[in-house]
Amino acid sequence: MTGPRPGIVVIGVSHHSTPVSIRERISVTADRLPRLYKELHAIDGLGEVVILSTCNRLEIYAVLDDIAVESTIDERLCAFQDFPVEEFLHHRYVLRNGEMLSHLFAVASGVDSQIVGEAEILGQVKAAYATAVEQRTVGAILNRTFQKCFQAAKFIRSNTSIGEGRINVATVAADLAEKIFGDIQACRVLVLGTGEVGEKTAKALASRGAREITVLSRSEERARELAEVVGGSSGLLGDLDALMPRHDIVVGSTSASEPVVVREMLDPIMRQRRLRPLFFIDLGMPRNFSPDLAQLDSVFVYDLDDLARIADENLAARRAAVEHCREIARQRAERLWQNIEPRLFRRFETLKAERLNTRPQTT
């Protein structure tokens, strides 16, 4: 019988293994992250944890006294999200030790992103680490891991061509709008929410000369701030029904838990538009627009997975750069694991000794 096997691990789902229809059900919003940290950090045998939650992935990076604890993480996460464990196990991946480190380095550098080479992910990884520090769930091992991760990501992006060209969701969405309308200088744009990706998409459309941009949010102040940045006007989300008929492009970037536009809303709107094309760019997680909108004539709906598929068409020329980046990530991860492995086992031996010393003595 083998004893406990300590290790570092990532358990997650991402665009590689999971469609957006599943990711939106398992994603954890920022306001709920502190509670999830509390749930996971209370697991016996879990020493440190960092949670990375973005539109395209939910990953739990952890230091474990025994990798058998992985099943408890699965169960706690699924209970927290009211998500079936069996379904989660079908989609989730587990990477341990050196493979975990290599994966993290690739993620932070943009190599593993849905739109390969995008730069936003490094900021998201840094924010995830900062949140874990705030929650006091990071110790010596994950602290060193993430500091080395940031160094590796900076090196990869500075010394390879992975970040060259226009490679983010915002520019892909703007390119697609131009394909649909030909010239977006005659288009009116409605931006729902003030999320970071929505803001970048609004800026991309403005840079292409979009005729008019209106920003709607639950917060009048935030809507006004973004509207000033893109040279547009602002309003409240409650104005959506009244404004949609006169707009051609609708960008969804809210944190709403349910779709903000459903099919029943569009039937009268499309009659008013006399079937002029209406383009929905869904950047929400969960999705902001009901997928069945696309069944209506002259309505185009593209979510994050759709935009990524379009970006993939332009990836072939950069395949060699991607593999070069992954090799750098592997080499740096291997060196770091050689440093971390003895520390991990020293930690495990210390904990084991402490437990033996605290056992009640029998006579």
Protein backbone atom coordinates (compact mmCIF):
# COMPACT_ATOMS: atom_id res chain seq x y z
CA MET A 1 0.00 0.00 0.00
CA THR A 2 1.46 3.36 -1.02
CA GLY A 3 1.46 6.34 1.31
CA PRO A 4 0.38 9.92 0.61
CA ARG A 5 1.79 11.52 -2.52
CA PRO A 6 2.29 15.29 -2.13
CA GLY A 7 2.26 17.48 -5.20
CA ILE A 8 1.21 20.68 -6.92
CA VAL A 9 -1.77 20.45 -9.21
CA VAL A 10 -4.13 22.36 -11.48
CA ILE A 11 -7.72 21.20 -11.85
CA GLY A 12 -9.71 23.07 -14.46
CA VAL A 13 -11.95 23.48 -17.44
CA SER A 14 -11.24 25.72 -20.41
CA HIS A 15 -12.21 26.44 -24.00
CA HIS A 16 -10.06 23.45 -25.03
CA SER A 17 -12.24 20.89 -23.26
CA THR A 18 -15.51 22.69 -22.60
CA PRO A 19 -17.98 24.64 -24.81
CA VAL A 20 -19.27 28.03 -23.69
CA SER A 21 -22.65 26.47 -22.79
CA ILE A 22 -20.87 24.49 -20.05
CA ARG A 23 -18.32 27.13 -19.03
CA GLU A 24 -21.04 29.64 -18.26
CA ARG A 25 -22.57 27.21 -15.77
CA ILE A 26 -19.34 26.46 -13.91
CA SER A 27 -17.78 29.96 -14.00
CA VAL A 28 -17.38 31.77 -10.68
CA THR A 29 -18.11 35.50 -10.54
CA ALA A 30 -15.69 37.81 -8.73
CA ASP A 31 -18.10 38.54 -5.88
CA ARG A 32 -18.30 34.81 -5.02
CA LEU A 33 -14.57 34.07 -5.17
CA PRO A 34 -13.89 34.84 -1.46
CA ARG A 35 -16.47 32.24 -0.44
CA LEU A 36 -14.95 29.65 -2.78
CA TYR A 37 -11.49 30.35 -1.39
CA LYS A 38 -12.85 29.73 2.10
CA GLU A 39 -14.46 26.45 1.00
CA LEU A 40 -11.33 25.13 -0.69
CA HIS A 41 -8.79 26.31 1.86
CA ALA A 42 -10.72 24.45 4.56
CA ILE A 43 -10.04 21.11 2.84
CA ASP A 44 -7.79 18.89 4.95
CA GLY A 45 -4.58 18.25 3.02
CA LEU A 46 -4.82 21.36 0.82
CA GLY A 47 -2.03 23.74 1.78
CA GLU A 48 -2.19 26.59 -0.76
CA VAL A 49 -4.60 27.59 -3.52
CA VAL A 50 -5.00 30.16 -6.33
CA ILE A 51 -8.21 30.34 -8.40
CA LEU A 52 -8.07 31.64 -11.99
CA SER A 53 -11.57 32.45 -13.25
CA THR A 54 -11.95 34.11 -16.68
CA CYS A 55 -14.41 33.95 -19.56
CA ASN A 56 -12.51 31.03 -21.05
CA ARG A 57 -11.26 29.04 -18.08
CA LEU A 58 -11.77 28.14 -14.45
CA GLU A 59 -8.60 26.69 -12.94
CA ILE A 60 -7.67 25.80 -9.37
CA TYR A 61 -3.93 25.72 -8.65
CA ALA A 62 -3.16 23.98 -5.37
CA VAL A 63 -0.44 22.53 -3.16
CA LEU A 64 -1.60 19.16 -1.81
CA ASP A 65 -0.25 16.94 0.95
CA ASP A 66 -1.70 14.06 -1.06
CA ILE A 67 -2.99 14.13 -4.63
CA ALA A 68 -5.95 12.05 -3.43
CA VAL A 69 -7.33 15.40 -2.22
CA GLU A 70 -8.10 16.21 -5.88
CA SER A 71 -11.44 14.39 -5.63
CA THR A 72 -12.44 16.54 -2.65
CA ILE A 73 -11.67 19.68 -4.66
CA ASP A 74 -13.93 18.39 -7.45
CA GLU A 75 -16.74 17.76 -4.98
CA ARG A 76 -16.44 21.09 -3.15
CA LEU A 77 -16.33 23.10 -6.37
CA CYS A 78 -19.33 21.32 -7.86
CA ALA A 79 -21.34 21.66 -4.64
CA PHE A 80 -20.47 25.37 -4.53
CA GLN A 81 -21.65 25.88 -8.13
CA ASP A 82 -24.55 23.40 -7.94
CA PHE A 83 -22.98 21.57 -10.89
CA PRO A 84 -23.13 17.77 -11.40
CA VAL A 85 -19.83 16.16 -10.40
CA GLU A 86 -20.08 13.52 -13.16
CA GLU A 87 -20.48 16.20 -15.81
CA PHE A 88 -17.55 18.18 -14.39
CA LEU A 89 -15.31 15.10 -14.43
CA HIS A 90 -16.19 14.57 -18.09
CA HIS A 91 -14.80 17.99 -19.03
CA ARG A 92 -12.13 18.81 -16.46
CA TYR A 93 -8.40 18.18 -16.77
CA VAL A 94 -5.78 17.59 -14.09
CA LEU A 95 -2.08 18.40 -14.49
CA ARG A 96 0.49 17.76 -11.79
CA ASN A 97 3.93 18.98 -10.80
CA GLY A 98 6.11 19.85 -13.82
CA GLU A 99 3.18 19.60 -16.23
CA MET A 100 1.18 21.96 -14.03
CA LEU A 101 4.03 24.50 -14.09
CA SER A 102 4.45 24.25 -17.86
CA HIS A 103 0.70 24.75 -18.31
CA LEU A 104 0.64 27.81 -16.05
CA PHE A 105 3.55 29.42 -17.91
CA ALA A 106 1.80 28.78 -21.25
CA VAL A 107 -1.47 30.21 -19.92
CA ALA A 108 0.13 33.40 -18.59
CA SER A 109 2.05 34.05 -21.81
CA GLY A 110 -1.07 33.78 -23.99
CA VAL A 111 0.03 30.58 -25.74
CA ASP A 112 -2.90 28.61 -24.33
CA SER A 113 -5.49 31.36 -24.85
CA GLN A 114 -8.62 30.93 -26.91
CA ILE A 115 -7.26 33.63 -29.20
CA VAL A 116 -3.58 32.68 -29.18
CA GLY A 117 -1.18 35.45 -28.26
CA GLU A 118 -3.67 37.82 -26.64
CA ALA A 119 -2.10 39.90 -23.89
CA GLU A 120 -5.03 40.27 -21.46
CA ILE A 121 -4.52 36.88 -19.81
CA LEU A 122 -1.28 37.90 -18.05
CA GLY A 123 -3.14 40.65 -16.23
CA GLN A 124 -5.87 38.17 -15.30
CA VAL A 125 -3.33 35.71 -13.88
CA LYS A 126 -1.70 38.51 -11.87
CA ALA A 127 -5.12 39.56 -10.56
CA ALA A 128 -5.93 35.96 -9.57
CA TYR A 129 -2.66 35.72 -7.65
CA ALA A 130 -3.30 39.07 -5.94
CA THR A 131 -6.76 37.90 -4.85
CA ALA A 132 -5.29 34.71 -3.40
CA VAL A 133 -2.73 36.78 -1.48
CA GLU A 134 -5.60 38.89 -0.10
CA GLN A 135 -7.39 35.70 0.93
CA ARG A 136 -4.18 34.44 2.59
CA THR A 137 -4.21 31.16 0.68
CA VAL A 138 -0.72 31.53 -0.84
CA GLY A 139 2.42 30.18 0.83
CA ALA A 140 6.05 29.78 -0.15
CA ILE A 141 5.46 27.28 -2.97
CA LEU A 142 2.73 29.06 -4.94
CA ASN A 143 4.35 32.42 -4.27
CA ARG A 144 7.55 31.23 -5.96
CA THR A 145 5.54 29.48 -8.67
CA PHE A 146 3.62 32.59 -9.69
CA GLN A 147 6.59 34.95 -9.46
CA LYS A 148 8.50 32.63 -11.83
CA CYS A 149 5.39 32.40 -13.99
CA PHE A 150 5.28 36.18 -14.45
CA GLN A 151 8.97 36.23 -15.36
CA ALA A 152 8.49 33.42 -17.90
CA ALA A 153 5.48 35.12 -19.49
CA LYS A 154 7.38 38.39 -19.85
CA PHE A 155 10.35 36.58 -21.41
CA ILE A 156 8.17 34.63 -23.86
CA ARG A 157 6.23 37.69 -25.00
CA SER A 158 9.40 39.79 -25.32
CA ASN A 159 11.54 37.22 -27.14
CA THR A 160 9.11 35.53 -29.54
CA SER A 161 6.58 36.66 -32.15
CA ILE A 162 3.59 35.26 -30.23
CA GLY A 163 2.12 38.70 -29.52
CA GLU A 164 2.55 40.19 -32.99
CA GLY A 165 -0.43 41.31 -35.02
CA ARG A 166 -4.02 42.08 -34.04
CA ILE A 167 -4.92 39.12 -31.88
CA ASN A 168 -7.64 39.73 -29.34
CA VAL A 169 -11.38 39.33 -29.09
CA ALA A 170 -12.01 43.02 -29.69
CA THR A 171 -10.17 43.23 -33.02
CA VAL A 172 -11.65 39.93 -34.23
CA ALA A 173 -15.14 41.23 -33.41
CA ALA A 174 -14.48 44.52 -35.21
CA ASP A 175 -13.13 42.66 -38.26
CA LEU A 176 -16.26 40.50 -38.31
CA ALA A 177 -18.53 43.55 -38.09
CA GLU A 178 -16.80 44.99 -41.15
CA LYS A 179 -17.37 41.74 -43.04
CA ILE A 180 -21.09 41.77 -42.19
CA PHE A 181 -21.79 45.45 -42.86
CA GLY A 182 -19.02 46.29 -45.31
CA ASP A 183 -18.52 49.75 -43.89
CA ILE A 184 -19.22 50.23 -40.20
CA GLN A 185 -18.95 54.02 -40.48
CA ALA A 186 -22.70 54.00 -41.06
CA CYS A 187 -23.37 51.69 -38.08
CA ARG A 188 -24.75 52.57 -34.68
CA VAL A 189 -23.29 50.53 -31.81
CA LEU A 190 -24.94 49.66 -28.50
CA VAL A 191 -22.59 48.47 -25.73
CA LEU A 192 -24.20 46.66 -22.79
CA GLY A 193 -22.07 46.69 -19.65
CA THR A 194 -18.68 48.19 -18.94
CA GLY A 195 -16.48 45.09 -18.75
CA GLU A 196 -12.87 45.25 -19.90
CA VAL A 197 -13.37 43.21 -23.09
CA GLY A 198 -16.52 45.16 -23.93
CA GLU A 199 -14.61 48.41 -23.51
CA LYS A 200 -11.85 47.21 -25.84
CA THR A 201 -14.42 46.12 -28.42
CA ALA A 202 -16.11 49.51 -28.23
CA LYS A 203 -12.73 51.18 -28.76
CA ALA A 204 -11.96 48.89 -31.71
CA LEU A 205 -15.28 49.74 -33.35
CA ALA A 206 -14.76 53.44 -32.66
CA SER A 207 -11.31 53.28 -34.27
CA ARG A 208 -12.96 51.87 -37.42
CA GLY A 209 -15.21 54.93 -37.52
CA ALA A 210 -18.49 53.59 -36.10
CA ARG A 211 -21.06 56.34 -36.55
CA GLU A 212 -22.46 56.37 -33.04
CA ILE A 213 -21.75 54.43 -29.83
CA THR A 214 -24.13 54.25 -26.87
CA VAL A 215 -23.10 52.61 -23.59
CA LEU A 216 -25.74 51.14 -21.27
CA SER A 217 -25.05 49.94 -17.73
CA ARG A 218 -26.81 49.44 -14.42
CA SER A 219 -24.47 52.16 -13.15
CA GLU A 220 -25.07 55.50 -14.82
CA GLU A 221 -21.64 56.72 -13.70
CA ARG A 222 -19.72 53.78 -15.23
CA ALA A 223 -21.71 54.04 -18.46
CA ARG A 224 -20.88 57.73 -18.70
CA GLU A 225 -17.17 57.11 -18.05
CA LEU A 226 -16.88 54.55 -20.88
CA ALA A 227 -19.00 56.69 -23.21
CA GLU A 228 -16.58 59.58 -22.73
CA VAL A 229 -13.64 57.31 -23.60
CA VAL A 230 -15.19 56.21 -26.93
CA GLY A 231 -16.83 59.54 -27.73
CA GLY A 232 -20.38 58.25 -27.34
CA SER A 233 -23.48 58.68 -25.22
CA SER A 234 -24.69 56.73 -22.19
CA GLY A 235 -27.83 55.40 -20.54
CA LEU A 236 -29.21 52.70 -18.27
CA LEU A 237 -29.81 49.06 -19.20
CA GLY A 238 -33.50 49.71 -18.70
CA ASP A 239 -33.39 51.74 -21.95
CA LEU A 240 -32.40 48.67 -23.98
CA ASP A 241 -35.79 47.86 -25.53
CA ALA A 242 -36.30 51.42 -26.71
CA LEU A 243 -32.80 51.84 -28.15
CA MET A 244 -32.19 48.50 -29.87
CA PRO A 245 -34.32 49.11 -33.00
CA ARG A 246 -32.10 51.99 -34.15
CA HIS A 247 -28.76 50.24 -33.53
CA ASP A 248 -26.96 47.83 -35.86
CA ILE A 249 -24.34 46.25 -33.56
CA VAL A 250 -25.02 45.19 -29.97
CA VAL A 251 -22.04 44.27 -27.76
CA GLY A 252 -22.86 42.26 -24.62
CA SER A 253 -20.36 42.60 -21.77
CA THR A 254 -22.49 42.46 -18.63
CA SER A 255 -22.12 40.14 -15.65
CA ALA A 256 -25.81 39.23 -15.74
CA SER A 257 -26.60 35.66 -14.69
CA GLU A 258 -29.41 35.39 -17.30
CA PRO A 259 -29.58 36.55 -20.96
CA VAL A 260 -30.41 40.24 -21.26
CA VAL A 261 -31.79 39.77 -24.79
CA VAL A 262 -34.11 36.85 -25.60
CA ARG A 263 -35.91 35.92 -28.80
CA GLU A 264 -39.31 37.25 -27.72
CA MET A 265 -37.82 40.74 -27.49
CA LEU A 266 -36.49 40.67 -31.06
CA ASP A 267 -39.60 39.80 -33.08
CA PRO A 268 -41.12 43.32 -32.87
CA ILE A 269 -37.68 44.94 -33.10
CA MET A 270 -36.84 43.19 -36.38
CA ARG A 271 -40.20 44.25 -37.80
CA GLN A 272 -39.32 47.85 -36.97
CA ARG A 273 -35.92 47.39 -38.60
CA ARG A 274 -37.54 45.90 -41.70
CA LEU A 275 -35.03 43.04 -41.50
CA ARG A 276 -31.96 45.25 -41.68
CA PRO A 277 -29.06 43.16 -40.25
CA LEU A 278 -28.57 43.19 -36.48
CA PHE A 279 -25.23 41.91 -35.21
CA PHE A 280 -24.82 40.65 -31.62
CA ILE A 281 -21.30 40.28 -30.18
CA ASP A 282 -21.63 38.22 -27.00
CA LEU A 283 -18.64 38.67 -24.68
CA GLY A 284 -20.50 37.73 -21.52
CA MET A 285 -19.88 34.79 -19.21
CA PRO A 286 -22.59 33.61 -18.76
CA ARG A 287 -23.74 34.61 -22.24
CA ASN A 288 -25.70 37.86 -22.52
CA PHE A 289 -27.75 36.87 -25.57
CA SER A 290 -29.96 33.82 -26.00
CA PRO A 291 -28.35 31.56 -28.66
CA ASP A 292 -31.68 31.08 -30.48
CA LEU A 293 -31.60 34.73 -31.59
CA ALA A 294 -29.55 33.50 -34.55
CA GLN A 295 -32.59 31.61 -35.85
CA LEU A 296 -34.20 34.91 -36.85
CA ASP A 297 -33.67 36.29 -40.34
CA SER A 298 -30.96 38.95 -40.62
CA VAL A 299 -29.79 38.38 -37.03
CA PHE A 300 -26.15 37.40 -36.48
CA VAL A 301 -24.97 36.16 -33.06
CA TYR A 302 -21.33 35.44 -32.27
CA ASP A 303 -20.13 34.36 -28.83
CA LEU A 304 -16.59 33.89 -27.49
CA ASP A 305 -16.21 30.42 -29.02
CA ASP A 306 -17.35 31.69 -32.43
CA LEU A 307 -14.85 34.53 -32.36
CA ALA A 308 -12.08 32.12 -31.39
CA ARG A 309 -12.87 29.84 -34.34
CA ILE A 310 -12.51 32.81 -36.67
CA ALA A 311 -9.19 33.73 -35.07
CA ASP A 312 -7.98 30.14 -35.52
CA GLU A 313 -8.23 30.54 -39.28
CA ASN A 314 -5.39 33.05 -39.06
CA LEU A 315 -3.26 30.99 -36.68
CA ALA A 316 -1.59 28.63 -39.15
CA ALA A 317 1.19 31.08 -39.96
CA ARG A 318 2.12 31.29 -36.27
CA ARG A 319 2.17 27.56 -35.45
CA ALA A 320 5.96 27.49 -35.27
CA ALA A 321 5.99 30.45 -32.89
CA VAL A 322 3.43 28.71 -30.67
CA GLU A 323 5.53 25.55 -30.41
CA HIS A 324 8.64 27.62 -29.69
CA CYS A 325 6.81 29.35 -26.83
CA ARG A 326 5.59 26.04 -25.41
CA GLU A 327 9.14 24.68 -25.47
CA ILE A 328 10.38 27.71 -23.53
CA ALA A 329 7.56 27.20 -21.03
CA ARG A 330 8.47 23.50 -20.66
CA GLN A 331 12.17 24.22 -20.10
CA ARG A 332 11.52 26.91 -17.49
CA ALA A 333 8.90 24.75 -15.78
CA GLU A 334 11.33 21.83 -15.56
CA ARG A 335 13.97 24.02 -13.89
CA LEU A 336 11.42 25.37 -11.42
CA TRP A 337 10.11 21.89 -10.57
CA GLN A 338 13.65 20.74 -9.77
CA ASN A 339 13.74 23.58 -7.24
CA ILE A 340 10.23 23.10 -5.85
CA GLU A 341 10.13 19.30 -5.56
CA PRO A 342 12.56 19.01 -2.61
CA ARG A 343 10.81 21.92 -0.87
CA LEU A 344 7.48 20.19 -1.30
CA PHE A 345 8.71 16.96 0.23
CA ARG A 346 10.43 18.79 3.09
CA ARG A 347 7.11 20.50 3.79
CA PHE A 348 5.34 17.15 3.72
CA GLU A 349 7.86 15.55 6.10
CA THR A 350 7.53 18.49 8.50
CA LEU A 351 3.74 18.19 8.53
CA LYS A 352 3.98 14.44 9.05
CA ALA A 353 6.31 14.90 12.01
CA GLU A 354 4.01 17.52 13.53
CA ARG A 355 1.06 15.16 13.27
CA LEU A 356 3.00 12.33 14.90
CA ASN A 357 4.03 14.62 17.76
CA THR A 358 0.45 15.73 18.39
CA ARG A 359 -1.03 12.23 18.49
CA PRO A 360 -2.29 11.26 21.96
CA GLN A 361 0.06 8.85 23.73
CA THR A 362 -1.32 5.37 24.45
CA THR A 363 -0.28 3.22 27.39
